[in-house]
Amino acid sequence: MSTKRPISNERGDSYEEIPTYIKHWEEAIPNGWEIRILSETGLKTIKCIWKKYKRPHELSKRERCPHN
């Protein structure tokens, strides 16, 4: 079970503990990064999208997370 505790600041930062963590994957996407975190309670996906940037070239083909 994950626990979210907001940090007290104006930016809206947050903090999360995942005590049942197993493994994580990072994958480049054309306009940012995709991060997947596998735990005993399931898979969490975080898409980090750049606001005003896109990669200037095509990404090479890579094996994706087996839990997709």
PDB file of N, CA and C in Angstrom:
ATOM      1  N   MET A   1       0.846  -1.180   0.000  1.00  0.00           N
ATOM      2  CA  MET A   1       0.000   0.000   0.000  1.00  0.00           C
ATOM      3  C   MET A   1       0.888   1.237   0.000  1.00  0.00           C
ATOM      4  N   SER A   2       0.604   2.188  -0.862  1.00  0.00           N
ATOM      5  CA  SER A   2       1.404   3.405  -0.899  1.00  0.00           C
ATOM      6  C   SER A   2       0.813   4.454   0.028  1.00  0.00           C
ATOM      7  N   THR A   3       1.691   5.332   0.477  1.00  0.00           N
ATOM      8  CA  THR A   3       1.281   6.391   1.382  1.00  0.00           C
ATOM      9  C   THR A   3       1.672   7.720   0.790  1.00  0.00           C
ATOM     10  N   LYS A   4       0.724   8.624   0.579  1.00  0.00           N
ATOM     11  CA  LYS A   4       1.014   9.947   0.040  1.00  0.00           C
ATOM     12  C   LYS A   4       0.955  10.964   1.154  1.00  0.00           C
ATOM     13  N   ARG A   5       2.003  11.801   1.233  1.00  0.00           N
ATOM     14  CA  ARG A   5       2.028  12.878   2.212  1.00  0.00           C
ATOM     15  C   ARG A   5       2.483  14.137   1.497  1.00  0.00           C
ATOM     16  N   PRO A   6       1.614  15.116   1.313  1.00  0.00           N
ATOM     17  CA  PRO A   6       2.040  16.334   0.625  1.00  0.00           C
ATOM     18  C   PRO A   6       3.067  17.107   1.433  1.00  0.00           C
ATOM     19  N   ILE A   7       4.060  17.636   0.726  1.00  0.00           N
ATOM     20  CA  ILE A   7       5.049  18.500   1.344  1.00  0.00           C
ATOM     21  C   ILE A   7       4.455  19.898   1.371  1.00  0.00           C
ATOM     22  N   SER A   8       4.636  20.597   2.441  1.00  0.00           N
ATOM     23  CA  SER A   8       4.056  21.925   2.589  1.00  0.00           C
ATOM     24  C   SER A   8       4.892  22.958   1.847  1.00  0.00           C
ATOM     25  N   ASN A   9       4.504  23.258   0.623  1.00  0.00           N
ATOM     26  CA  ASN A   9       5.139  24.330  -0.140  1.00  0.00           C
ATOM     27  C   ASN A   9       4.185  24.834  -1.216  1.00  0.00           C
ATOM     28  N   GLU A  10       4.536  25.910  -1.855  1.00  0.00           N
ATOM     29  CA  GLU A  10       3.646  26.550  -2.832  1.00  0.00           C
ATOM     30  C   GLU A  10       3.611  25.841  -4.180  1.00  0.00           C
ATOM     31  N   ARG A  11       4.601  24.996  -4.475  1.00  0.00           N
ATOM     32  CA  ARG A  11       4.663  24.345  -5.786  1.00  0.00           C
ATOM     33  C   ARG A  11       3.739  23.140  -5.899  1.00  0.00           C
ATOM     34  N   GLY A  12       3.264  22.635  -4.786  1.00  0.00           N
ATOM     35  CA  GLY A  12       2.399  21.460  -4.836  1.00  0.00           C
ATOM     36  C   GLY A  12       3.177  20.153  -4.918  1.00  0.00           C
ATOM     37  N   ASP A  13       4.426  20.139  -4.452  1.00  0.00           N
ATOM     38  CA  ASP A  13       5.219  18.908  -4.447  1.00  0.00           C
ATOM     39  C   ASP A  13       4.529  17.844  -3.601  1.00  0.00           C
ATOM     40  N   SER A  14       4.827  16.588  -3.890  1.00  0.00           N
ATOM     41  CA  SER A  14       4.270  15.505  -3.097  1.00  0.00           C
ATOM     42  C   SER A  14       5.347  14.456  -2.834  1.00  0.00           C
ATOM     43  N   TYR A  15       5.091  13.592  -1.887  1.00  0.00           N
ATOM     44  CA  TYR A  15       6.009  12.553  -1.465  1.00  0.00           C
ATOM     45  C   TYR A  15       5.202  11.282  -1.323  1.00  0.00           C
ATOM     46  N   GLU A  16       5.748  10.177  -1.798  1.00  0.00           N
ATOM     47  CA  GLU A  16       5.021   8.914  -1.694  1.00  0.00           C
ATOM     48  C   GLU A  16       5.986   7.800  -1.321  1.00  0.00           C
ATOM     49  N   GLU A  17       5.619   6.992  -0.369  1.00  0.00           N
ATOM     50  CA  GLU A  17       6.396   5.816   0.007  1.00  0.00           C
ATOM     51  C   GLU A  17       5.728   4.586  -0.587  1.00  0.00           C
ATOM     52  N   ILE A  18       6.532   3.677  -1.113  1.00  0.00           N
ATOM     53  CA  ILE A  18       6.010   2.426  -1.657  1.00  0.00           C
ATOM     54  C   ILE A  18       6.731   1.288  -0.930  1.00  0.00           C
ATOM     55  N   PRO A  19       6.201   0.868   0.212  1.00  0.00           N
ATOM     56  CA  PRO A  19       6.890  -0.135   1.021  1.00  0.00           C
ATOM     57  C   PRO A  19       6.901  -1.543   0.416  1.00  0.00           C
ATOM     58  N   THR A  20       6.082  -1.790  -0.614  1.00  0.00           N
ATOM     59  CA  THR A  20       6.038  -3.109  -1.239  1.00  0.00           C
ATOM     60  C   THR A  20       6.686  -3.086  -2.624  1.00  0.00           C
ATOM     61  N   TYR A  21       7.635  -2.163  -2.834  1.00  0.00           N
ATOM     62  CA  TYR A  21       8.354  -1.984  -4.105  1.00  0.00           C
ATOM     63  C   TYR A  21       9.028  -3.276  -4.551  1.00  0.00           C
ATOM     64  N   ILE A  22       8.955  -3.552  -5.861  1.00  0.00           N
ATOM     65  CA  ILE A  22       9.626  -4.713  -6.449  1.00  0.00           C
ATOM     66  C   ILE A  22      10.671  -4.255  -7.472  1.00  0.00           C
ATOM     67  N   LYS A  23      10.258  -3.449  -8.452  1.00  0.00           N
ATOM     68  CA  LYS A  23      11.148  -3.077  -9.558  1.00  0.00           C
ATOM     69  C   LYS A  23      10.602  -1.845 -10.255  1.00  0.00           C
ATOM     70  N   HIS A  24      11.471  -1.121 -10.974  1.00  0.00           N
ATOM     71  CA  HIS A  24      10.993   0.016 -11.774  1.00  0.00           C
ATOM     72  C   HIS A  24      11.674   0.027 -13.137  1.00  0.00           C
ATOM     73  N   TRP A  25      11.022   0.714 -14.106  1.00  0.00           N
ATOM     74  CA  TRP A  25      11.525   0.869 -15.465  1.00  0.00           C
ATOM     75  C   TRP A  25      11.398   2.328 -15.854  1.00  0.00           C
ATOM     76  N   GLU A  26      12.355   2.814 -16.629  1.00  0.00           N
ATOM     77  CA  GLU A  26      12.294   4.161 -17.212  1.00  0.00           C
ATOM     78  C   GLU A  26      12.372   3.987 -18.718  1.00  0.00           C
ATOM     79  N   GLU A  27      11.521   4.705 -19.434  1.00  0.00           N
ATOM     80  CA  GLU A  27      11.524   4.604 -20.891  1.00  0.00           C
ATOM     81  C   GLU A  27      11.393   5.993 -21.494  1.00  0.00           C
ATOM     82  N   ALA A  28      12.283   6.290 -22.442  1.00  0.00           N
ATOM     83  CA  ALA A  28      12.211   7.561 -23.151  1.00  0.00           C
ATOM     84  C   ALA A  28      11.017   7.524 -24.096  1.00  0.00           C
ATOM     85  N   ILE A  29      10.246   8.604 -24.110  1.00  0.00           N
ATOM     86  CA  ILE A  29       9.152   8.763 -25.061  1.00  0.00           C
ATOM     87  C   ILE A  29       9.433  10.044 -25.845  1.00  0.00           C
ATOM     88  N   PRO A  30       8.805  10.267 -26.987  1.00  0.00           N
ATOM     89  CA  PRO A  30       9.153  11.419 -27.832  1.00  0.00           C
ATOM     90  C   PRO A  30       9.115  12.776 -27.129  1.00  0.00           C
ATOM     91  N   ASN A  31       8.246  12.930 -26.145  1.00  0.00           N
ATOM     92  CA  ASN A  31       8.129  14.241 -25.499  1.00  0.00           C
ATOM     93  C   ASN A  31       8.376  14.191 -23.985  1.00  0.00           C
ATOM     94  N   GLY A  32       9.213  13.227 -23.531  1.00  0.00           N
ATOM     95  CA  GLY A  32       9.540  13.145 -22.109  1.00  0.00           C
ATOM     96  C   GLY A  32       9.999  11.766 -21.683  1.00  0.00           C
ATOM     97  N   TRP A  33       9.531  11.317 -20.522  1.00  0.00           N
ATOM     98  CA  TRP A  33       9.884  10.016 -19.965  1.00  0.00           C
ATOM     99  C   TRP A  33       8.646   9.334 -19.406  1.00  0.00           C
ATOM    100  N   GLU A  34       8.648   8.017 -19.423  1.00  0.00           N
ATOM    101  CA  GLU A  34       7.600   7.242 -18.778  1.00  0.00           C
ATOM    102  C   GLU A  34       8.282   6.371 -17.726  1.00  0.00           C
ATOM    103  N   ILE A  35       7.813   6.437 -16.508  1.00  0.00           N
ATOM    104  CA  ILE A  35       8.387   5.677 -15.398  1.00  0.00           C
ATOM    105  C   ILE A  35       7.316   4.724 -14.881  1.00  0.00           C
ATOM    106  N   ARG A  36       7.669   3.451 -14.769  1.00  0.00           N
ATOM    107  CA  ARG A  36       6.738   2.444 -14.245  1.00  0.00           C
ATOM    108  C   ARG A  36       7.330   1.866 -12.972  1.00  0.00           C
ATOM    109  N   ILE A  37       6.517   1.761 -11.946  1.00  0.00           N
ATOM    110  CA  ILE A  37       6.957   1.225 -10.661  1.00  0.00           C
ATOM    111  C   ILE A  37       6.063   0.041 -10.313  1.00  0.00           C
ATOM    112  N   LEU A  38       6.663  -1.133 -10.200  1.00  0.00           N
ATOM    113  CA  LEU A  38       5.921  -2.339  -9.857  1.00  0.00           C
ATOM    114  C   LEU A  38       6.053  -2.601  -8.361  1.00  0.00           C
ATOM    115  N   SER A  39       4.925  -2.850  -7.723  1.00  0.00           N
ATOM    116  CA  SER A  39       4.918  -3.205  -6.300  1.00  0.00           C
ATOM    117  C   SER A  39       3.977  -4.391  -6.125  1.00  0.00           C
ATOM    118  N   GLU A  40       3.923  -4.902  -4.929  1.00  0.00           N
ATOM    119  CA  GLU A  40       3.034  -6.034  -4.648  1.00  0.00           C
ATOM    120  C   GLU A  40       1.573  -5.663  -4.832  1.00  0.00           C
ATOM    121  N   THR A  41       1.242  -4.378  -4.800  1.00  0.00           N
ATOM    122  CA  THR A  41      -0.147  -3.946  -4.948  1.00  0.00           C
ATOM    123  C   THR A  41      -0.492  -3.538  -6.379  1.00  0.00           C
ATOM    124  N   GLY A  42       0.464  -3.605  -7.312  1.00  0.00           N
ATOM    125  CA  GLY A  42       0.175  -3.290  -8.702  1.00  0.00           C
ATOM    126  C   GLY A  42       1.236  -2.435  -9.358  1.00  0.00           C
ATOM    127  N   LEU A  43       0.944  -1.969 -10.569  1.00  0.00           N
ATOM    128  CA  LEU A  43       1.858  -1.178 -11.376  1.00  0.00           C
ATOM    129  C   LEU A  43       1.403   0.270 -11.389  1.00  0.00           C
ATOM    130  N   LYS A  44       2.323   1.192 -11.128  1.00  0.00           N
ATOM    131  CA  LYS A  44       2.034   2.627 -11.178  1.00  0.00           C
ATOM    132  C   LYS A  44       2.826   3.193 -12.356  1.00  0.00           C
ATOM    133  N   THR A  45       2.172   3.975 -13.224  1.00  0.00           N
ATOM    134  CA  THR A  45       2.822   4.588 -14.375  1.00  0.00           C
ATOM    135  C   THR A  45       2.795   6.092 -14.218  1.00  0.00           C
ATOM    136  N   ILE A  46       3.955   6.718 -14.408  1.00  0.00           N
ATOM    137  CA  ILE A  46       4.084   8.170 -14.323  1.00  0.00           C
ATOM    138  C   ILE A  46       4.619   8.663 -15.663  1.00  0.00           C
ATOM    139  N   LYS A  47       3.861   9.530 -16.334  1.00  0.00           N
ATOM    140  CA  LYS A  47       4.316  10.118 -17.592  1.00  0.00           C
ATOM    141  C   LYS A  47       4.825  11.521 -17.316  1.00  0.00           C
ATOM    142  N   CYS A  48       6.105  11.721 -17.565  1.00  0.00           N
ATOM    143  CA  CYS A  48       6.751  13.021 -17.374  1.00  0.00           C
ATOM    144  C   CYS A  48       6.860  13.679 -18.742  1.00  0.00           C
ATOM    145  N   ILE A  49       6.017  14.665 -19.004  1.00  0.00           N
ATOM    146  CA  ILE A  49       5.942  15.316 -20.315  1.00  0.00           C
ATOM    147  C   ILE A  49       6.576  16.701 -20.235  1.00  0.00           C
ATOM    148  N   TRP A  50       7.510  16.957 -21.165  1.00  0.00           N
ATOM    149  CA  TRP A  50       8.110  18.290 -21.236  1.00  0.00           C
ATOM    150  C   TRP A  50       7.079  19.266 -21.777  1.00  0.00           C
ATOM    151  N   LYS A  51       7.027  20.450 -21.236  1.00  0.00           N
ATOM    152  CA  LYS A  51       6.031  21.437 -21.636  1.00  0.00           C
ATOM    153  C   LYS A  51       6.273  21.967 -23.056  1.00  0.00           C
ATOM    154  N   LYS A  52       7.521  22.320 -23.379  1.00  0.00           N
ATOM    155  CA  LYS A  52       7.797  22.940 -24.683  1.00  0.00           C
ATOM    156  C   LYS A  52       8.958  22.273 -25.407  1.00  0.00           C
ATOM    157  N   TYR A  53       9.076  20.949 -25.314  1.00  0.00           N
ATOM    158  CA  TYR A  53      10.209  20.290 -25.950  1.00  0.00           C
ATOM    159  C   TYR A  53       9.782  18.939 -26.477  1.00  0.00           C
ATOM    160  N   LYS A  54      10.329  18.570 -27.603  1.00  0.00           N
ATOM    161  CA  LYS A  54      10.132  17.246 -28.162  1.00  0.00           C
ATOM    162  C   LYS A  54      11.485  16.770 -28.655  1.00  0.00           C
ATOM    163  N   ARG A  55      11.795  15.491 -28.482  1.00  0.00           N
ATOM    164  CA  ARG A  55      13.086  14.962 -28.926  1.00  0.00           C
ATOM    165  C   ARG A  55      13.260  15.220 -30.418  1.00  0.00           C
ATOM    166  N   PRO A  56      14.452  15.652 -30.834  1.00  0.00           N
ATOM    167  CA  PRO A  56      14.681  16.021 -32.224  1.00  0.00           C
ATOM    168  C   PRO A  56      14.875  14.837 -33.170  1.00  0.00           C
ATOM    169  N   HIS A  57      14.851  13.625 -32.654  1.00  0.00           N
ATOM    170  CA  HIS A  57      15.064  12.455 -33.507  1.00  0.00           C
ATOM    171  C   HIS A  57      14.145  11.324 -33.068  1.00  0.00           C
ATOM    172  N   GLU A  58      14.023  10.315 -33.913  1.00  0.00           N
ATOM    173  CA  GLU A  58      13.197   9.146 -33.633  1.00  0.00           C
ATOM    174  C   GLU A  58      13.875   8.292 -32.563  1.00  0.00           C
ATOM    175  N   LEU A  59      13.100   7.752 -31.644  1.00  0.00           N
ATOM    176  CA  LEU A  59      13.649   6.867 -30.618  1.00  0.00           C
ATOM    177  C   LEU A  59      13.883   5.483 -31.201  1.00  0.00           C
ATOM    178  N   SER A  60      14.947   4.809 -30.747  1.00  0.00           N
ATOM    179  CA  SER A  60      15.202   3.447 -31.212  1.00  0.00           C
ATOM    180  C   SER A  60      14.210   2.494 -30.545  1.00  0.00           C
ATOM    181  N   LYS A  61      13.941   1.383 -31.180  1.00  0.00           N
ATOM    182  CA  LYS A  61      13.008   0.389 -30.633  1.00  0.00           C
ATOM    183  C   LYS A  61      13.674  -0.308 -29.457  1.00  0.00           C
ATOM    184  N   ARG A  62      12.955  -0.407 -28.324  1.00  0.00           N
ATOM    185  CA  ARG A  62      13.468  -1.078 -27.136  1.00  0.00           C
ATOM    186  C   ARG A  62      12.381  -1.965 -26.576  1.00  0.00           C
ATOM    187  N   GLU A  63      12.771  -2.995 -25.857  1.00  0.00           N
ATOM    188  CA  GLU A  63      11.806  -3.878 -25.224  1.00  0.00           C
ATOM    189  C   GLU A  63      11.067  -3.128 -24.129  1.00  0.00           C
ATOM    190  N   ARG A  64       9.771  -3.223 -24.127  1.00  0.00           N
ATOM    191  CA  ARG A  64       8.944  -2.521 -23.139  1.00  0.00           C
ATOM    192  C   ARG A  64       8.799  -3.350 -21.879  1.00  0.00           C
ATOM    193  N   CYS A  65       8.347  -2.702 -20.854  1.00  0.00           N
ATOM    194  CA  CYS A  65       8.094  -3.323 -19.548  1.00  0.00           C
ATOM    195  C   CYS A  65       7.183  -4.530 -19.740  1.00  0.00           C
ATOM    196  N   PRO A  66       7.515  -5.687 -19.190  1.00  0.00           N
ATOM    197  CA  PRO A  66       6.673  -6.875 -19.364  1.00  0.00           C
ATOM    198  C   PRO A  66       5.326  -6.785 -18.664  1.00  0.00           C
ATOM    199  N   HIS A  67       5.136  -5.793 -17.817  1.00  0.00           N
ATOM    200  CA  HIS A  67       3.870  -5.654 -17.083  1.00  0.00           C
ATOM    201  C   HIS A  67       2.979  -4.612 -17.721  1.00  0.00           C
ATOM    202  N   ASN A  68       3.108  -4.396 -19.007  1.00  0.00           N
ATOM    203  CA  ASN A  68       2.294  -3.418 -19.731  1.00  0.00           C
ATOM    204  C   ASN A  68       1.019  -4.039 -20.196  1.00  0.00           C
TER     205      ASN A  68
END
